Amino acid sequence: MGLEFDGVNGIIKNTTSDGDVTIKGNDGGSEISLLAFDVSAEGTAVFNSTVTVGSSLLINGTTPTVTVGDGGAEDAKILFDGNEQNFHIGLDDSTNKLTI
């Protein structure tokens, strides 16, 4: 694992075959994984908690997909968090219905 420079840009590189890249931090004395890149899954990023995007989020590719939920028996939703009103579109897992 090393840090390289290509003239202007810094590059973090793991040269071990299928070796993941993990960014860690210290939370109150405990080491935690903040972000991991799964090299064997073509660089899939796995965040340990909430991801906040500053302005806009673009999902591109030949088959763009957004997955909400992990297949567990739980309610999953998209929340539109407004100043005076909130709205959501989601799965009510107890009734197996999409609710708006």
N, C-alpha and C. Protein backbone atom coordinates (compact mmCIF):
# COMPACT_ATOMS: atom_id res chain seq x y z
N MET A 1 0.86 -1.17 0.00
CA MET A 1 0.00 0.00 0.00
C MET A 1 0.90 1.22 0.00
N GLY A 2 0.56 2.17 -0.81
CA GLY A 2 1.41 3.34 -0.87
C GLY A 2 0.69 4.55 -1.41
N LEU A 3 1.37 5.68 -1.31
CA LEU A 3 0.88 6.94 -1.83
C LEU A 3 1.80 7.35 -2.97
N GLU A 4 1.22 7.65 -4.12
CA GLU A 4 1.99 8.06 -5.29
C GLU A 4 1.49 9.42 -5.75
N PHE A 5 2.28 10.04 -6.59
CA PHE A 5 1.88 11.29 -7.22
C PHE A 5 2.11 11.16 -8.72
N ASP A 6 1.14 11.60 -9.52
CA ASP A 6 1.29 11.53 -10.97
C ASP A 6 1.55 12.93 -11.54
N GLY A 7 2.26 13.72 -10.82
CA GLY A 7 2.54 15.09 -11.23
C GLY A 7 1.76 16.07 -10.39
N VAL A 8 0.43 15.93 -10.37
CA VAL A 8 -0.43 16.85 -9.63
C VAL A 8 -1.27 16.10 -8.59
N ASN A 9 -1.79 14.93 -8.96
CA ASN A 9 -2.74 14.21 -8.12
C ASN A 9 -2.06 13.21 -7.19
N GLY A 10 -2.59 13.10 -5.98
CA GLY A 10 -2.15 12.06 -5.06
C GLY A 10 -2.97 10.81 -5.30
N ILE A 11 -2.31 9.66 -5.31
CA ILE A 11 -2.97 8.39 -5.59
C ILE A 11 -2.70 7.43 -4.44
N ILE A 12 -3.76 6.89 -3.85
CA ILE A 12 -3.62 5.85 -2.85
C ILE A 12 -3.80 4.53 -3.58
N LYS A 13 -2.81 3.65 -3.48
CA LYS A 13 -2.84 2.43 -4.28
C LYS A 13 -2.50 1.22 -3.42
N ASN A 14 -3.30 0.17 -3.56
CA ASN A 14 -2.98 -1.13 -2.96
C ASN A 14 -2.58 -2.03 -4.12
N THR A 15 -1.33 -2.47 -4.13
CA THR A 15 -0.83 -3.29 -5.22
C THR A 15 -1.02 -4.78 -4.98
N THR A 16 -1.57 -5.16 -3.83
CA THR A 16 -1.86 -6.56 -3.54
C THR A 16 -3.09 -6.99 -4.33
N SER A 17 -3.02 -8.13 -5.01
CA SER A 17 -4.15 -8.61 -5.80
C SER A 17 -5.39 -8.79 -4.93
N ASP A 18 -6.51 -8.18 -5.33
CA ASP A 18 -7.79 -8.21 -4.61
C ASP A 18 -7.71 -7.65 -3.20
N GLY A 19 -6.69 -6.86 -2.90
CA GLY A 19 -6.56 -6.24 -1.57
C GLY A 19 -7.40 -4.99 -1.49
N ASP A 20 -8.32 -4.94 -0.55
CA ASP A 20 -9.20 -3.78 -0.39
C ASP A 20 -8.44 -2.58 0.16
N VAL A 21 -9.05 -1.40 0.03
CA VAL A 21 -8.51 -0.17 0.59
C VAL A 21 -9.52 0.33 1.62
N THR A 22 -9.08 0.51 2.85
CA THR A 22 -9.96 0.92 3.94
C THR A 22 -9.43 2.20 4.58
N ILE A 23 -10.32 3.15 4.82
CA ILE A 23 -9.98 4.37 5.55
C ILE A 23 -10.56 4.23 6.94
N LYS A 24 -9.70 4.39 7.95
CA LYS A 24 -10.12 4.21 9.35
C LYS A 24 -9.93 5.49 10.14
N GLY A 25 -10.62 5.57 11.27
CA GLY A 25 -10.49 6.71 12.16
C GLY A 25 -10.58 6.25 13.60
N ASN A 26 -10.50 7.21 14.53
CA ASN A 26 -10.56 6.92 15.95
C ASN A 26 -11.77 7.64 16.53
N ASP A 27 -12.73 6.88 17.05
CA ASP A 27 -13.94 7.44 17.65
C ASP A 27 -13.93 7.16 19.14
N GLY A 28 -13.54 8.15 19.92
CA GLY A 28 -13.52 8.00 21.38
C GLY A 28 -12.59 6.91 21.87
N GLY A 29 -11.50 6.70 21.17
CA GLY A 29 -10.53 5.70 21.58
C GLY A 29 -10.69 4.35 20.89
N SER A 30 -11.74 4.20 20.09
CA SER A 30 -11.96 2.95 19.37
C SER A 30 -11.69 3.15 17.89
N GLU A 31 -10.94 2.23 17.28
CA GLU A 31 -10.70 2.31 15.85
C GLU A 31 -11.93 1.85 15.10
N ILE A 32 -12.36 2.66 14.12
CA ILE A 32 -13.54 2.31 13.32
C ILE A 32 -13.19 2.43 11.84
N SER A 33 -13.86 1.62 11.01
CA SER A 33 -13.72 1.72 9.57
C SER A 33 -14.72 2.75 9.06
N LEU A 34 -14.23 3.77 8.39
CA LEU A 34 -15.09 4.83 7.87
C LEU A 34 -15.57 4.51 6.47
N LEU A 35 -14.67 3.98 5.64
CA LEU A 35 -14.97 3.74 4.23
C LEU A 35 -14.07 2.63 3.74
N ALA A 36 -14.64 1.69 3.01
CA ALA A 36 -13.86 0.61 2.41
C ALA A 36 -14.18 0.52 0.93
N PHE A 37 -13.15 0.31 0.13
CA PHE A 37 -13.31 0.06 -1.29
C PHE A 37 -13.03 -1.41 -1.54
N ASP A 38 -14.02 -2.14 -2.02
CA ASP A 38 -13.90 -3.57 -2.26
C ASP A 38 -13.33 -3.78 -3.66
N VAL A 39 -12.05 -4.08 -3.72
CA VAL A 39 -11.36 -4.19 -5.01
C VAL A 39 -11.90 -5.34 -5.83
N SER A 40 -12.24 -6.47 -5.19
CA SER A 40 -12.74 -7.62 -5.95
C SER A 40 -14.12 -7.36 -6.52
N ALA A 41 -14.82 -6.31 -6.05
CA ALA A 41 -16.13 -5.92 -6.59
C ALA A 41 -15.99 -4.65 -7.42
N GLU A 42 -14.87 -4.51 -8.10
CA GLU A 42 -14.59 -3.37 -8.99
C GLU A 42 -14.64 -2.02 -8.29
N GLY A 43 -14.21 -1.98 -7.03
CA GLY A 43 -14.12 -0.72 -6.32
C GLY A 43 -15.39 -0.28 -5.62
N THR A 44 -16.33 -1.20 -5.40
CA THR A 44 -17.55 -0.86 -4.68
C THR A 44 -17.19 -0.18 -3.36
N ALA A 45 -17.79 0.98 -3.10
CA ALA A 45 -17.52 1.71 -1.86
C ALA A 45 -18.54 1.32 -0.81
N VAL A 46 -18.06 1.02 0.39
CA VAL A 46 -18.91 0.65 1.50
C VAL A 46 -18.68 1.66 2.62
N PHE A 47 -19.69 2.49 2.89
CA PHE A 47 -19.61 3.48 3.97
C PHE A 47 -20.18 2.87 5.24
N ASN A 48 -19.61 3.21 6.37
CA ASN A 48 -20.06 2.67 7.65
C ASN A 48 -21.32 3.35 8.17
N SER A 49 -21.65 4.53 7.67
CA SER A 49 -22.80 5.27 8.18
C SER A 49 -23.40 6.14 7.07
N THR A 50 -24.05 7.22 7.45
CA THR A 50 -24.75 8.11 6.54
C THR A 50 -23.79 8.77 5.56
N VAL A 51 -24.23 8.92 4.32
CA VAL A 51 -23.48 9.65 3.30
C VAL A 51 -24.27 10.91 2.96
N THR A 52 -23.64 12.06 3.06
CA THR A 52 -24.28 13.33 2.74
C THR A 52 -23.66 13.86 1.46
N VAL A 53 -24.52 14.21 0.49
CA VAL A 53 -24.07 14.77 -0.78
C VAL A 53 -24.42 16.25 -0.77
N GLY A 54 -23.46 17.10 -1.08
CA GLY A 54 -23.63 18.53 -0.97
C GLY A 54 -24.68 19.16 -1.85
N SER A 55 -24.77 18.79 -3.11
CA SER A 55 -25.67 19.49 -4.01
C SER A 55 -26.54 18.53 -4.81
N SER A 56 -25.94 17.69 -5.62
CA SER A 56 -26.74 16.78 -6.43
C SER A 56 -26.03 15.43 -6.52
N LEU A 57 -26.80 14.41 -6.78
CA LEU A 57 -26.27 13.06 -6.90
C LEU A 57 -26.61 12.53 -8.28
N LEU A 58 -25.62 12.08 -9.00
CA LEU A 58 -25.81 11.53 -10.33
C LEU A 58 -25.50 10.05 -10.30
N ILE A 59 -26.43 9.26 -10.77
CA ILE A 59 -26.23 7.82 -10.88
C ILE A 59 -26.28 7.50 -12.37
N ASN A 60 -25.16 7.07 -12.91
CA ASN A 60 -25.12 6.85 -14.35
C ASN A 60 -24.67 5.43 -14.65
N GLY A 61 -24.56 5.11 -15.91
CA GLY A 61 -24.14 3.78 -16.34
C GLY A 61 -25.15 3.21 -17.32
N THR A 62 -24.93 1.99 -17.74
CA THR A 62 -25.83 1.39 -18.71
C THR A 62 -27.13 0.92 -18.08
N THR A 63 -27.12 0.59 -16.78
CA THR A 63 -28.33 0.17 -16.08
C THR A 63 -28.32 0.82 -14.69
N PRO A 64 -28.58 2.14 -14.60
CA PRO A 64 -28.53 2.80 -13.29
C PRO A 64 -29.61 2.25 -12.35
N THR A 65 -29.24 1.98 -11.12
CA THR A 65 -30.15 1.39 -10.14
C THR A 65 -29.95 2.04 -8.78
N VAL A 66 -31.04 2.36 -8.11
CA VAL A 66 -31.01 2.79 -6.72
C VAL A 66 -31.72 1.73 -5.91
N THR A 67 -31.06 1.18 -4.91
CA THR A 67 -31.66 0.18 -4.05
C THR A 67 -31.86 0.78 -2.67
N VAL A 68 -33.08 0.74 -2.17
CA VAL A 68 -33.39 1.23 -0.83
C VAL A 68 -33.75 0.00 0.00
N GLY A 69 -32.94 -0.29 1.00
CA GLY A 69 -33.16 -1.46 1.84
C GLY A 69 -32.16 -2.55 1.53
N ASP A 70 -32.14 -3.56 2.40
CA ASP A 70 -31.16 -4.65 2.25
C ASP A 70 -31.82 -6.02 2.20
N GLY A 71 -33.12 -6.05 1.89
CA GLY A 71 -33.82 -7.32 1.78
C GLY A 71 -34.34 -7.84 3.11
N GLY A 72 -34.14 -7.09 4.18
CA GLY A 72 -34.62 -7.50 5.50
C GLY A 72 -36.09 -7.18 5.68
N ALA A 73 -36.69 -7.77 6.71
CA ALA A 73 -38.10 -7.52 7.02
C ALA A 73 -38.20 -6.18 7.75
N GLU A 74 -38.21 -5.12 6.99
CA GLU A 74 -38.22 -3.77 7.57
C GLU A 74 -38.88 -2.81 6.60
N ASP A 75 -39.37 -1.70 7.12
CA ASP A 75 -39.93 -0.66 6.27
C ASP A 75 -38.77 0.14 5.66
N ALA A 76 -38.86 0.40 4.37
CA ALA A 76 -37.85 1.19 3.67
C ALA A 76 -38.55 2.32 2.95
N LYS A 77 -37.93 3.52 2.92
CA LYS A 77 -38.63 4.66 2.33
C LYS A 77 -37.65 5.68 1.78
N ILE A 78 -38.19 6.55 0.95
CA ILE A 78 -37.52 7.76 0.52
C ILE A 78 -38.29 8.90 1.20
N LEU A 79 -37.59 9.72 1.96
CA LEU A 79 -38.21 10.80 2.71
C LEU A 79 -37.90 12.14 2.06
N PHE A 80 -38.94 12.93 1.80
CA PHE A 80 -38.80 14.29 1.31
C PHE A 80 -39.00 15.19 2.53
N ASP A 81 -37.89 15.70 3.07
CA ASP A 81 -37.87 16.41 4.34
C ASP A 81 -38.00 17.90 4.10
N GLY A 82 -39.22 18.41 4.24
CA GLY A 82 -39.48 19.83 4.00
C GLY A 82 -39.48 20.65 5.27
N ASN A 83 -39.60 21.96 5.12
CA ASN A 83 -39.61 22.86 6.26
C ASN A 83 -40.88 22.71 7.08
N GLU A 84 -42.05 22.72 6.42
CA GLU A 84 -43.32 22.62 7.12
C GLU A 84 -44.01 21.27 6.94
N GLN A 85 -43.75 20.60 5.83
CA GLN A 85 -44.37 19.32 5.54
C GLN A 85 -43.31 18.31 5.13
N ASN A 86 -43.49 17.06 5.53
CA ASN A 86 -42.64 15.96 5.09
C ASN A 86 -43.50 14.96 4.33
N PHE A 87 -42.94 14.36 3.31
CA PHE A 87 -43.64 13.34 2.54
C PHE A 87 -42.70 12.16 2.36
N HIS A 88 -43.26 10.99 2.19
CA HIS A 88 -42.43 9.83 1.93
C HIS A 88 -43.13 8.85 1.00
N ILE A 89 -42.32 8.11 0.29
CA ILE A 89 -42.77 6.99 -0.53
C ILE A 89 -42.02 5.79 0.04
N GLY A 90 -42.75 4.75 0.42
CA GLY A 90 -42.04 3.66 1.04
C GLY A 90 -42.81 2.35 1.05
N LEU A 91 -42.09 1.32 1.47
CA LEU A 91 -42.64 -0.02 1.61
C LEU A 91 -43.10 -0.22 3.04
N ASP A 92 -44.37 -0.53 3.21
CA ASP A 92 -44.89 -0.93 4.53
C ASP A 92 -44.75 -2.44 4.57
N ASP A 93 -43.73 -2.92 5.25
CA ASP A 93 -43.41 -4.36 5.21
C ASP A 93 -44.49 -5.20 5.88
N SER A 94 -45.27 -4.61 6.80
CA SER A 94 -46.32 -5.39 7.47
C SER A 94 -47.49 -5.70 6.53
N THR A 95 -47.71 -4.84 5.52
CA THR A 95 -48.80 -5.05 4.57
C THR A 95 -48.29 -5.40 3.16
N ASN A 96 -46.97 -5.33 2.97
CA ASN A 96 -46.36 -5.57 1.66
C ASN A 96 -46.94 -4.64 0.59
N LYS A 97 -47.13 -3.37 0.96
CA LYS A 97 -47.67 -2.38 0.02
C LYS A 97 -46.74 -1.18 -0.05
N LEU A 98 -46.72 -0.56 -1.24
CA LEU A 98 -46.02 0.70 -1.43
C LEU A 98 -46.97 1.81 -0.99
N THR A 99 -46.51 2.67 -0.10
CA THR A 99 -47.37 3.75 0.40
C THR A 99 -46.76 5.10 0.03
N ILE A 100 -47.68 6.04 -0.23
CA ILE A 100 -47.28 7.41 -0.52
C ILE A 100 -47.96 8.31 0.51
